[in-house]
């Protein structure tokens, strides 16, 4: 059994050309580039969700970014 699955993706010709050029420049396969791009996309979406959650929590707690930095700094001083 394969550890990977094969999928078919439709791309505009220009995007495929750019992908092939980049793959050649970096001496990588298109599959490697697509896997990396998807990993980055997924990670970025996760961080966006975490950031939105943090912003909502800060709003509920009525603190701003400066307050958060101060609280973290106070915690680090106390932890020493």
PDB file of N, CA and C in Angstrom:
ATOM      1  N   UNK A   1       0.839  -1.185   0.000  1.00  0.00           N
ATOM      2  CA  UNK A   1       0.000   0.000   0.000  1.00  0.00           C
ATOM      3  C   UNK A   1       0.885   1.250   0.000  1.00  0.00           C
ATOM      4  N   UNK A   2       0.544   2.221  -0.843  1.00  0.00           N
ATOM      5  CA  UNK A   2       1.308   3.465  -0.941  1.00  0.00           C
ATOM      6  C   UNK A   2       1.054   4.355   0.264  1.00  0.00           C
ATOM      7  N   UNK A   3       2.110   5.073   0.652  1.00  0.00           N
ATOM      8  CA  UNK A   3       1.962   6.035   1.745  1.00  0.00           C
ATOM      9  C   UNK A   3       1.344   7.334   1.233  1.00  0.00           C
ATOM     10  N   UNK A   4       1.338   7.511  -0.070  1.00  0.00           N
ATOM     11  CA  UNK A   4       0.770   8.720  -0.656  1.00  0.00           C
ATOM     12  C   UNK A   4      -0.384   8.352  -1.577  1.00  0.00           C
ATOM     13  N   UNK A   5      -1.191   9.334  -1.878  1.00  0.00           N
ATOM     14  CA  UNK A   5      -2.300   9.168  -2.806  1.00  0.00           C
ATOM     15  C   UNK A   5      -2.074  10.103  -3.986  1.00  0.00           C
ATOM     16  N   UNK A   6      -2.479   9.684  -5.132  1.00  0.00           N
ATOM     17  CA  UNK A   6      -2.356  10.493  -6.336  1.00  0.00           C
ATOM     18  C   UNK A   6      -3.661  11.267  -6.517  1.00  0.00           C
ATOM     19  N   UNK A   7      -3.541  12.578  -6.780  1.00  0.00           N
ATOM     20  CA  UNK A   7      -4.714  13.412  -7.032  1.00  0.00           C
ATOM     21  C   UNK A   7      -4.515  14.159  -8.347  1.00  0.00           C
ATOM     22  N   UNK A   8      -5.589  14.547  -8.939  1.00  0.00           N
ATOM     23  CA  UNK A   8      -5.548  15.328 -10.165  1.00  0.00           C
ATOM     24  C   UNK A   8      -5.995  16.746  -9.835  1.00  0.00           C
ATOM     25  N   UNK A   9      -5.203  17.716 -10.279  1.00  0.00           N
ATOM     26  CA  UNK A   9      -5.505  19.115 -10.012  1.00  0.00           C
ATOM     27  C   UNK A   9      -5.469  19.879 -11.329  1.00  0.00           C
ATOM     28  N   UNK A  10      -6.443  20.721 -11.546  1.00  0.00           N
ATOM     29  CA  UNK A  10      -6.452  21.573 -12.742  1.00  0.00           C
ATOM     30  C   UNK A  10      -5.826  22.913 -12.399  1.00  0.00           C
ATOM     31  N   UNK A  11      -4.902  23.359 -13.251  1.00  0.00           N
ATOM     32  CA  UNK A  11      -4.216  24.637 -13.035  1.00  0.00           C
ATOM     33  C   UNK A  11      -4.263  25.466 -14.307  1.00  0.00           C
ATOM     34  N   UNK A  12      -4.299  26.791 -14.144  1.00  0.00           N
ATOM     35  CA  UNK A  12      -4.137  27.631 -15.324  1.00  0.00           C
ATOM     36  C   UNK A  12      -2.737  27.401 -15.907  1.00  0.00           C
ATOM     37  N   UNK A  13      -2.616  27.501 -17.208  1.00  0.00           N
ATOM     38  CA  UNK A  13      -1.341  27.222 -17.883  1.00  0.00           C
ATOM     39  C   UNK A  13      -0.194  28.045 -17.302  1.00  0.00           C
ATOM     40  N   UNK A  14      -0.452  29.318 -17.019  1.00  0.00           N
ATOM     41  CA  UNK A  14       0.610  30.189 -16.498  1.00  0.00           C
ATOM     42  C   UNK A  14       1.109  29.715 -15.131  1.00  0.00           C
ATOM     43  N   UNK A  15       0.199  29.277 -14.274  1.00  0.00           N
ATOM     44  CA  UNK A  15       0.597  28.785 -12.952  1.00  0.00           C
ATOM     45  C   UNK A  15       1.417  27.502 -13.084  1.00  0.00           C
ATOM     46  N   UNK A  16       1.030  26.640 -13.989  1.00  0.00           N
ATOM     47  CA  UNK A  16       1.795  25.416 -14.217  1.00  0.00           C
ATOM     48  C   UNK A  16       3.194  25.746 -14.733  1.00  0.00           C
ATOM     49  N   UNK A  17       3.278  26.693 -15.664  1.00  0.00           N
ATOM     50  CA  UNK A  17       4.594  27.104 -16.178  1.00  0.00           C
ATOM     51  C   UNK A  17       5.473  27.664 -15.066  1.00  0.00           C
ATOM     52  N   UNK A  18       4.895  28.516 -14.220  1.00  0.00           N
ATOM     53  CA  UNK A  18       5.654  29.076 -13.092  1.00  0.00           C
ATOM     54  C   UNK A  18       6.116  27.967 -12.153  1.00  0.00           C
ATOM     55  N   UNK A  19       5.241  27.004 -11.922  1.00  0.00           N
ATOM     56  CA  UNK A  19       5.578  25.879 -11.045  1.00  0.00           C
ATOM     57  C   UNK A  19       6.727  25.065 -11.631  1.00  0.00           C
ATOM     58  N   UNK A  20       6.652  24.787 -12.908  1.00  0.00           N
ATOM     59  CA  UNK A  20       7.715  24.007 -13.554  1.00  0.00           C
ATOM     60  C   UNK A  20       9.047  24.753 -13.533  1.00  0.00           C
ATOM     61  N   UNK A  21       9.015  26.065 -13.747  1.00  0.00           N
ATOM     62  CA  UNK A  21      10.243  26.870 -13.688  1.00  0.00           C
ATOM     63  C   UNK A  21      10.843  26.835 -12.290  1.00  0.00           C
ATOM     64  N   UNK A  22       9.993  27.029 -11.303  1.00  0.00           N
ATOM     65  CA  UNK A  22      10.459  27.023  -9.923  1.00  0.00           C
ATOM     66  C   UNK A  22      11.011  25.656  -9.533  1.00  0.00           C
ATOM     67  N   UNK A  23      10.328  24.610  -9.917  1.00  0.00           N
ATOM     68  CA  UNK A  23      10.793  23.250  -9.611  1.00  0.00           C
ATOM     69  C   UNK A  23      12.171  23.023 -10.221  1.00  0.00           C
ATOM     70  N   UNK A  24      12.347  23.470 -11.421  1.00  0.00           N
ATOM     71  CA  UNK A  24      13.645  23.305 -12.094  1.00  0.00           C
ATOM     72  C   UNK A  24      14.727  24.114 -11.384  1.00  0.00           C
ATOM     73  N   UNK A  25      14.417  25.372 -11.040  1.00  0.00           N
ATOM     74  CA  UNK A  25      15.379  26.221 -10.336  1.00  0.00           C
ATOM     75  C   UNK A  25      15.804  25.614  -9.006  1.00  0.00           C
ATOM     76  N   UNK A  26      14.848  25.053  -8.292  1.00  0.00           N
ATOM     77  CA  UNK A  26      15.117  24.506  -6.956  1.00  0.00           C
ATOM     78  C   UNK A  26      15.476  23.024  -6.989  1.00  0.00           C
ATOM     79  N   UNK A  27      15.526  22.452  -8.200  1.00  0.00           N
ATOM     80  CA  UNK A  27      15.833  21.021  -8.364  1.00  0.00           C
ATOM     81  C   UNK A  27      14.917  20.156  -7.489  1.00  0.00           C
ATOM     82  N   UNK A  28      13.625  20.451  -7.620  1.00  0.00           N
ATOM     83  CA  UNK A  28      12.603  19.718  -6.880  1.00  0.00           C
ATOM     84  C   UNK A  28      11.531  19.284  -7.864  1.00  0.00           C
ATOM     85  N   UNK A  29      10.705  18.361  -7.422  1.00  0.00           N
ATOM     86  CA  UNK A  29       9.588  17.944  -8.268  1.00  0.00           C
ATOM     87  C   UNK A  29       8.399  18.876  -8.045  1.00  0.00           C
ATOM     88  N   UNK A  30       7.488  18.866  -9.013  1.00  0.00           N
ATOM     89  CA  UNK A  30       6.253  19.635  -8.830  1.00  0.00           C
ATOM     90  C   UNK A  30       5.514  19.136  -7.595  1.00  0.00           C
ATOM     91  N   UNK A  31       5.516  17.839  -7.409  1.00  0.00           N
ATOM     92  CA  UNK A  31       4.823  17.283  -6.237  1.00  0.00           C
ATOM     93  C   UNK A  31       5.397  17.837  -4.944  1.00  0.00           C
ATOM     94  N   UNK A  32       6.719  17.946  -4.863  1.00  0.00           N
ATOM     95  CA  UNK A  32       7.334  18.508  -3.654  1.00  0.00           C
ATOM     96  C   UNK A  32       6.887  19.951  -3.435  1.00  0.00           C
ATOM     97  N   UNK A  33       6.849  20.723  -4.514  1.00  0.00           N
ATOM     98  CA  UNK A  33       6.409  22.118  -4.397  1.00  0.00           C
ATOM     99  C   UNK A  33       4.958  22.210  -3.952  1.00  0.00           C
ATOM    100  N   UNK A  34       4.090  21.396  -4.550  1.00  0.00           N
ATOM    101  CA  UNK A  34       2.683  21.424  -4.169  1.00  0.00           C
ATOM    102  C   UNK A  34       2.479  20.985  -2.725  1.00  0.00           C
ATOM    103  N   UNK A  35       3.215  19.946  -2.299  1.00  0.00           N
ATOM    104  CA  UNK A  35       3.092  19.504  -0.908  1.00  0.00           C
ATOM    105  C   UNK A  35       3.501  20.619   0.047  1.00  0.00           C
ATOM    106  N   UNK A  36       4.638  21.265  -0.262  1.00  0.00           N
ATOM    107  CA  UNK A  36       5.102  22.359   0.597  1.00  0.00           C
ATOM    108  C   UNK A  36       4.096  23.509   0.606  1.00  0.00           C
ATOM    109  N   UNK A  37       3.572  23.861  -0.560  1.00  0.00           N
ATOM    110  CA  UNK A  37       2.602  24.951  -0.646  1.00  0.00           C
ATOM    111  C   UNK A  37       1.360  24.645   0.191  1.00  0.00           C
ATOM    112  N   UNK A  38       0.876  23.409   0.115  1.00  0.00           N
ATOM    113  CA  UNK A  38      -0.299  23.040   0.911  1.00  0.00           C
ATOM    114  C   UNK A  38      -0.002  23.039   2.401  1.00  0.00           C
ATOM    115  N   UNK A  39       1.180  22.552   2.774  1.00  0.00           N
ATOM    116  CA  UNK A  39       1.554  22.596   4.198  1.00  0.00           C
ATOM    117  C   UNK A  39       1.584  24.039   4.704  1.00  0.00           C
ATOM    118  N   UNK A  40       2.183  24.931   3.927  1.00  0.00           N
ATOM    119  CA  UNK A  40       2.253  26.341   4.301  1.00  0.00           C
ATOM    120  C   UNK A  40       0.861  26.955   4.399  1.00  0.00           C
ATOM    121  N   UNK A  41       0.014  26.634   3.443  1.00  0.00           N
ATOM    122  CA  UNK A  41      -1.349  27.160   3.440  1.00  0.00           C
ATOM    123  C   UNK A  41      -2.109  26.701   4.685  1.00  0.00           C
ATOM    124  N   UNK A  42      -1.999  25.421   4.991  1.00  0.00           N
ATOM    125  CA  UNK A  42      -2.693  24.871   6.162  1.00  0.00           C
ATOM    126  C   UNK A  42      -2.154  25.506   7.440  1.00  0.00           C
ATOM    127  N   UNK A  43      -0.837  25.634   7.554  1.00  0.00           N
ATOM    128  CA  UNK A  43      -0.237  26.250   8.737  1.00  0.00           C
ATOM    129  C   UNK A  43      -0.680  27.700   8.877  1.00  0.00           C
ATOM    130  N   UNK A  44      -0.722  28.424   7.775  1.00  0.00           N
ATOM    131  CA  UNK A  44      -1.148  29.829   7.800  1.00  0.00           C
ATOM    132  C   UNK A  44      -2.585  29.948   8.267  1.00  0.00           C
ATOM    133  N   UNK A  45      -3.449  29.067   7.768  1.00  0.00           N
ATOM    134  CA  UNK A  45      -4.856  29.099   8.197  1.00  0.00           C
ATOM    135  C   UNK A  45      -4.974  28.799   9.689  1.00  0.00           C
ATOM    136  N   UNK A  46      -4.179  27.846  10.177  1.00  0.00           N
ATOM    137  CA  UNK A  46      -4.216  27.535  11.619  1.00  0.00           C
ATOM    138  C   UNK A  46      -3.811  28.750  12.428  1.00  0.00           C
ATOM    139  N   UNK A  47      -2.713  29.403  12.018  1.00  0.00           N
ATOM    140  CA  UNK A  47      -2.254  30.579  12.757  1.00  0.00           C
ATOM    141  C   UNK A  47      -3.276  31.705  12.702  1.00  0.00           C
ATOM    142  N   UNK A  48      -3.965  31.859  11.569  1.00  0.00           N
ATOM    143  CA  UNK A  48      -5.024  32.879  11.485  1.00  0.00           C
ATOM    144  C   UNK A  48      -6.134  32.588  12.482  1.00  0.00           C
ATOM    145  N   UNK A  49      -6.531  31.304  12.558  1.00  0.00           N
ATOM    146  CA  UNK A  49      -7.584  30.937  13.517  1.00  0.00           C
ATOM    147  C   UNK A  49      -7.121  31.204  14.942  1.00  0.00           C
ATOM    148  N   UNK A  50      -5.884  30.861  15.269  1.00  0.00           N
ATOM    149  CA  UNK A  50      -5.343  31.095  16.606  1.00  0.00           C
ATOM    150  C   UNK A  50      -5.318  32.594  16.901  1.00  0.00           C
ATOM    151  N   UNK A  51      -4.878  33.382  15.898  1.00  0.00           N
ATOM    152  CA  UNK A  51      -4.826  34.831  16.093  1.00  0.00           C
ATOM    153  C   UNK A  51      -6.230  35.397  16.327  1.00  0.00           C
ATOM    154  N   UNK A  52      -7.208  34.962  15.533  1.00  0.00           N
ATOM    155  CA  UNK A  52      -8.588  35.438  15.722  1.00  0.00           C
ATOM    156  C   UNK A  52      -9.099  35.059  17.110  1.00  0.00           C
ATOM    157  N   UNK A  53      -8.789  33.833  17.549  1.00  0.00           N
ATOM    158  CA  UNK A  53      -9.208  33.402  18.884  1.00  0.00           C
ATOM    159  C   UNK A  53      -8.570  34.303  19.932  1.00  0.00           C
ATOM    160  N   UNK A  54      -7.265  34.572  19.775  1.00  0.00           N
ATOM    161  CA  UNK A  54      -6.561  35.429  20.728  1.00  0.00           C
ATOM    162  C   UNK A  54      -7.111  36.841  20.748  1.00  0.00           C
ATOM    163  N   UNK A  55      -7.416  37.372  19.569  1.00  0.00           N
ATOM    164  CA  UNK A  55      -7.992  38.720  19.502  1.00  0.00           C
ATOM    165  C   UNK A  55      -9.352  38.770  20.191  1.00  0.00           C
ATOM    166  N   UNK A  56     -10.163  37.736  19.976  1.00  0.00           N
ATOM    167  CA  UNK A  56     -11.479  37.693  20.616  1.00  0.00           C
ATOM    168  C   UNK A  56     -11.333  37.571  22.131  1.00  0.00           C
ATOM    169  N   UNK A  57     -10.396  36.738  22.574  1.00  0.00           N
ATOM    170  CA  UNK A  57     -10.168  36.573  24.020  1.00  0.00           C
ATOM    171  C   UNK A  57      -9.671  37.878  24.627  1.00  0.00           C
ATOM    172  N   UNK A  58      -8.773  38.562  23.933  1.00  0.00           N
ATOM    173  CA  UNK A  58      -8.267  39.847  24.422  1.00  0.00           C
ATOM    174  C   UNK A  58      -9.394  40.876  24.493  1.00  0.00           C
ATOM    175  N   UNK A  59     -10.249  40.869  23.493  1.00  0.00           N
ATOM    176  CA  UNK A  59     -11.375  41.800  23.487  1.00  0.00           C
ATOM    177  C   UNK A  59     -12.298  41.534  24.679  1.00  0.00           C
ATOM    178  N   UNK A  60     -12.606  40.251  24.917  1.00  0.00           N
ATOM    179  CA  UNK A  60     -13.466  39.893  26.053  1.00  0.00           C
ATOM    180  C   UNK A  60     -12.822  40.295  27.379  1.00  0.00           C
ATOM    181  N   UNK A  61     -11.485  40.157  27.455  1.00  0.00           N
ATOM    182  CA  UNK A  61     -10.773  40.492  28.692  1.00  0.00           C
ATOM    183  C   UNK A  61     -10.443  41.983  28.780  1.00  0.00           C
ATOM    184  N   UNK A  62     -10.768  42.704  27.712  1.00  0.00           N
ATOM    185  CA  UNK A  62     -10.517  44.148  27.638  1.00  0.00           C
ATOM    186  C   UNK A  62      -9.035  44.473  27.808  1.00  0.00           C
ATOM    187  N   UNK A  63      -8.202  43.718  27.089  1.00  0.00           N
ATOM    188  CA  UNK A  63      -6.760  44.009  27.071  1.00  0.00           C
ATOM    189  C   UNK A  63      -6.336  44.230  25.626  1.00  0.00           C
ATOM    190  N   UNK A  64      -5.259  44.994  25.459  1.00  0.00           N
ATOM    191  CA  UNK A  64      -4.736  45.220  24.111  1.00  0.00           C
ATOM    192  C   UNK A  64      -3.357  44.578  23.992  1.00  0.00           C
ATOM    193  N   UNK A  65      -2.733  44.746  22.851  1.00  0.00           N
ATOM    194  CA  UNK A  65      -1.445  44.094  22.593  1.00  0.00           C
ATOM    195  C   UNK A  65      -0.381  44.530  23.599  1.00  0.00           C
ATOM    196  N   UNK A  66      -0.387  45.804  23.948  1.00  0.00           N
ATOM    197  CA  UNK A  66       0.578  46.317  24.934  1.00  0.00           C
ATOM    198  C   UNK A  66       0.359  45.644  26.286  1.00  0.00           C
ATOM    199  N   UNK A  67      -0.906  45.492  26.679  1.00  0.00           N
ATOM    200  CA  UNK A  67      -1.224  44.817  27.942  1.00  0.00           C
ATOM    201  C   UNK A  67      -0.717  43.380  27.924  1.00  0.00           C
ATOM    202  N   UNK A  68      -0.928  42.691  26.804  1.00  0.00           N
ATOM    203  CA  UNK A  68      -0.501  41.294  26.693  1.00  0.00           C
ATOM    204  C   UNK A  68       1.012  41.198  26.840  1.00  0.00           C
ATOM    205  N   UNK A  69       1.743  42.082  26.161  1.00  0.00           N
ATOM    206  CA  UNK A  69       3.209  42.072  26.274  1.00  0.00           C
ATOM    207  C   UNK A  69       3.647  42.322  27.713  1.00  0.00           C
ATOM    208  N   UNK A  70       2.982  43.263  28.393  1.00  0.00           N
ATOM    209  CA  UNK A  70       3.312  43.561  29.784  1.00  0.00           C
ATOM    210  C   UNK A  70       3.031  42.354  30.684  1.00  0.00           C
ATOM    211  N   UNK A  71       1.892  41.711  30.468  1.00  0.00           N
ATOM    212  CA  UNK A  71       1.524  40.539  31.277  1.00  0.00           C
ATOM    213  C   UNK A  71       2.535  39.409  31.078  1.00  0.00           C
ATOM    214  N   UNK A  72       2.934  39.186  29.838  1.00  0.00           N
ATOM    215  CA  UNK A  72       3.927  38.139  29.551  1.00  0.00           C
ATOM    216  C   UNK A  72       5.248  38.473  30.232  1.00  0.00           C
ATOM    217  N   UNK A  73       5.674  39.725  30.147  1.00  0.00           N
ATOM    218  CA  UNK A  73       6.924  40.147  30.764  1.00  0.00           C
ATOM    219  C   UNK A  73       6.862  39.974  32.290  1.00  0.00           C
ATOM    220  N   UNK A  74       5.756  40.338  32.890  1.00  0.00           N
ATOM    221  CA  UNK A  74       5.573  40.158  34.346  1.00  0.00           C
ATOM    222  C   UNK A  74       5.647  38.673  34.711  1.00  0.00           C
ATOM    223  N   UNK A  75       4.988  37.852  33.924  1.00  0.00           N
ATOM    224  CA  UNK A  75       5.003  36.403  34.186  1.00  0.00           C
ATOM    225  C   UNK A  75       6.416  35.867  34.105  1.00  0.00           C
ATOM    226  N   UNK A  76       7.167  36.291  33.092  1.00  0.00           N
ATOM    227  CA  UNK A  76       8.546  35.801  32.932  1.00  0.00           C
ATOM    228  C   UNK A  76       9.424  36.236  34.105  1.00  0.00           C
ATOM    229  N   UNK A  77       9.222  37.457  34.573  1.00  0.00           N
ATOM    230  CA  UNK A  77      10.008  37.935  35.730  1.00  0.00           C
ATOM    231  C   UNK A  77       9.692  37.112  36.971  1.00  0.00           C
ATOM    232  N   UNK A  78       8.412  36.833  37.196  1.00  0.00           N
ATOM    233  CA  UNK A  78       7.997  36.051  38.358  1.00  0.00           C
ATOM    234  C   UNK A  78       8.457  34.613  38.279  1.00  0.00           C
ATOM    235  N   UNK A  79       8.585  34.080  37.076  1.00  0.00           N
ATOM    236  CA  UNK A  79       8.966  32.670  36.887  1.00  0.00           C
ATOM    237  C   UNK A  79      10.442  32.418  37.173  1.00  0.00           C
ATOM    238  N   UNK A  80      11.231  33.480  37.167  1.00  0.00           N
ATOM    239  CA  UNK A  80      12.682  33.317  37.392  1.00  0.00           C
ATOM    240  C   UNK A  80      13.023  32.981  38.801  1.00  0.00           C
TER     241      UNK A  80
END
